[in-house]
Amino acid sequence: MLSRDADVEMPDVVLFGVELVAWPDDPRLTALRAAGVPCLVLVAPDDRAPVLDGDLEDWVRVPVDDRELEVRCRRLARLAAEAGVG
């Protein structure tokens, strides 16, 4: 299960070609969006969900079950492949 402690900086993580991005703290999100990189935004339990920016982005609350994380990342990777990204 993936969780995010507010006081711990998350390392850059890529799963199936999808960037995992901590919301709202990760400054990479704007650049990844601009580059068309598929992203799964990890939202803390008490944070407001982000407004998504296109089909290559999704979000999930943490902690998140490993299986749900895998399914969401595989879906985004498939959409990226279909769009010719990557």
C-alpha atoms as a PDB file:
ATOM      1  CA  MET A   1       0.000   0.000   0.000  1.00  0.00           C
ATOM      2  CA  LEU A   2       1.382   3.400  -0.964  1.00  0.00           C
ATOM      3  CA  SER A   3       0.986   6.205   1.511  1.00  0.00           C
ATOM      4  CA  ARG A   4       2.379   9.696   1.748  1.00  0.00           C
ATOM      5  CA  ASP A   5       3.402  11.289   5.017  1.00  0.00           C
ATOM      6  CA  ALA A   6       3.152  15.059   4.734  1.00  0.00           C
ATOM      7  CA  ASP A   7       6.590  15.488   6.354  1.00  0.00           C
ATOM      8  CA  VAL A   8       8.385  13.037   4.056  1.00  0.00           C
ATOM      9  CA  GLU A   9       9.549  14.032   0.589  1.00  0.00           C
ATOM     10  CA  MET A  10       8.569  11.445  -2.019  1.00  0.00           C
ATOM     11  CA  PRO A  11      11.193  10.351  -4.507  1.00  0.00           C
ATOM     12  CA  ASP A  12      10.418  10.564  -8.211  1.00  0.00           C
ATOM     13  CA  VAL A  13       8.519   7.380  -9.026  1.00  0.00           C
ATOM     14  CA  VAL A  14       7.576   6.046 -12.466  1.00  0.00           C
ATOM     15  CA  LEU A  15       5.288   3.032 -12.787  1.00  0.00           C
ATOM     16  CA  PHE A  16       4.515   1.609 -16.260  1.00  0.00           C
ATOM     17  CA  GLY A  17       5.766   4.888 -17.738  1.00  0.00           C
ATOM     18  CA  VAL A  18       3.402   6.939 -15.560  1.00  0.00           C
ATOM     19  CA  GLU A  19       4.824   9.550 -13.197  1.00  0.00           C
ATOM     20  CA  LEU A  20       3.505   9.462  -9.626  1.00  0.00           C
ATOM     21  CA  VAL A  21       3.148  13.026  -8.409  1.00  0.00           C
ATOM     22  CA  ALA A  22       2.375  14.161  -4.845  1.00  0.00           C
ATOM     23  CA  TRP A  23      -0.392  16.782  -4.753  1.00  0.00           C
ATOM     24  CA  PRO A  24      -0.045  19.683  -4.191  1.00  0.00           C
ATOM     25  CA  ASP A  25       3.637  19.636  -3.197  1.00  0.00           C
ATOM     26  CA  ASP A  26       5.420  18.272  -6.268  1.00  0.00           C
ATOM     27  CA  PRO A  27       6.664  21.151  -8.446  1.00  0.00           C
ATOM     28  CA  ARG A  28       7.153  18.808 -11.454  1.00  0.00           C
ATOM     29  CA  LEU A  29       3.444  18.549 -12.277  1.00  0.00           C
ATOM     30  CA  THR A  30       3.288  21.667 -14.465  1.00  0.00           C
ATOM     31  CA  ALA A  31       6.297  20.594 -16.551  1.00  0.00           C
ATOM     32  CA  LEU A  32       5.055  17.001 -16.848  1.00  0.00           C
ATOM     33  CA  ARG A  33       1.658  18.238 -18.017  1.00  0.00           C
ATOM     34  CA  ALA A  34       3.280  20.526 -20.597  1.00  0.00           C
ATOM     35  CA  ALA A  35       5.399  17.627 -21.889  1.00  0.00           C
ATOM     36  CA  GLY A  36       2.365  15.350 -22.201  1.00  0.00           C
ATOM     37  CA  VAL A  37       3.722  12.851 -19.689  1.00  0.00           C
ATOM     38  CA  PRO A  38       1.041  10.613 -18.149  1.00  0.00           C
ATOM     39  CA  CYS A  39       0.661  11.341 -14.430  1.00  0.00           C
ATOM     40  CA  LEU A  40      -1.118   9.806 -11.480  1.00  0.00           C
ATOM     41  CA  VAL A  41      -1.596  12.506  -8.866  1.00  0.00           C
ATOM     42  CA  LEU A  42      -1.428  11.269  -5.267  1.00  0.00           C
ATOM     43  CA  VAL A  43      -3.791  13.267  -3.060  1.00  0.00           C
ATOM     44  CA  ALA A  44      -3.519  13.284   0.729  1.00  0.00           C
ATOM     45  CA  PRO A  45      -6.705  12.380   2.614  1.00  0.00           C
ATOM     46  CA  ASP A  46      -7.433  15.960   3.698  1.00  0.00           C
ATOM     47  CA  ASP A  47      -6.369  17.756   0.506  1.00  0.00           C
ATOM     48  CA  ARG A  48      -8.784  18.937  -2.150  1.00  0.00           C
ATOM     49  CA  ALA A  49      -8.580  16.933  -5.360  1.00  0.00           C
ATOM     50  CA  PRO A  50      -6.855  18.600  -8.312  1.00  0.00           C
ATOM     51  CA  VAL A  51      -8.562  19.658 -11.508  1.00  0.00           C
ATOM     52  CA  LEU A  52      -7.339  17.186 -14.100  1.00  0.00           C
ATOM     53  CA  ASP A  53      -5.558  18.396 -17.211  1.00  0.00           C
ATOM     54  CA  GLY A  54      -6.432  16.025 -20.039  1.00  0.00           C
ATOM     55  CA  ASP A  55      -6.813  12.304 -20.619  1.00  0.00           C
ATOM     56  CA  LEU A  56      -3.284  11.385 -19.538  1.00  0.00           C
ATOM     57  CA  GLU A  57      -3.878  12.344 -15.930  1.00  0.00           C
ATOM     58  CA  ASP A  58      -5.748  10.742 -13.051  1.00  0.00           C
ATOM     59  CA  TRP A  59      -5.728  11.113  -9.292  1.00  0.00           C
ATOM     60  CA  VAL A  60      -6.138   8.868  -6.282  1.00  0.00           C
ATOM     61  CA  ARG A  61      -6.237   9.398  -2.529  1.00  0.00           C
ATOM     62  CA  VAL A  62      -3.436   7.936  -0.456  1.00  0.00           C
ATOM     63  CA  PRO A  63      -3.022   5.527   1.099  1.00  0.00           C
ATOM     64  CA  VAL A  64      -3.873   3.562  -2.036  1.00  0.00           C
ATOM     65  CA  ASP A  65      -4.041  -0.183  -2.503  1.00  0.00           C
ATOM     66  CA  ASP A  66      -1.234  -1.590  -4.693  1.00  0.00           C
ATOM     67  CA  ARG A  67      -3.719  -3.197  -7.091  1.00  0.00           C
ATOM     68  CA  GLU A  68      -5.624   0.062  -7.610  1.00  0.00           C
ATOM     69  CA  LEU A  69      -2.347   1.885  -8.173  1.00  0.00           C
ATOM     70  CA  GLU A  70      -1.338  -0.677 -10.799  1.00  0.00           C
ATOM     71  CA  VAL A  71      -4.716  -0.576 -12.585  1.00  0.00           C
ATOM     72  CA  ARG A  72      -4.763   3.224 -12.773  1.00  0.00           C
ATOM     73  CA  CYS A  73      -1.167   3.399 -14.025  1.00  0.00           C
ATOM     74  CA  ARG A  74      -1.729   0.693 -16.634  1.00  0.00           C
ATOM     75  CA  ARG A  75      -4.829   2.557 -17.879  1.00  0.00           C
ATOM     76  CA  LEU A  76      -2.875   5.809 -18.223  1.00  0.00           C
ATOM     77  CA  ALA A  77      -0.015   3.974 -19.955  1.00  0.00           C
ATOM     78  CA  ARG A  78      -2.484   2.431 -22.425  1.00  0.00           C
ATOM     79  CA  LEU A  79      -4.056   5.833 -23.142  1.00  0.00           C
ATOM     80  CA  ALA A  80      -0.590   7.340 -23.653  1.00  0.00           C
ATOM     81  CA  ALA A  81       0.344   4.562 -26.087  1.00  0.00           C
ATOM     82  CA  GLU A  82      -2.911   5.044 -27.997  1.00  0.00           C
ATOM     83  CA  ALA A  83      -2.179   8.782 -28.199  1.00  0.00           C
ATOM     84  CA  GLY A  84       1.357   8.088 -29.450  1.00  0.00           C
ATOM     85  CA  VAL A  85       2.994   9.497 -26.319  1.00  0.00           C
ATOM     86  CA  GLY A  86       6.141   7.925 -24.927  1.00  0.00           C
END
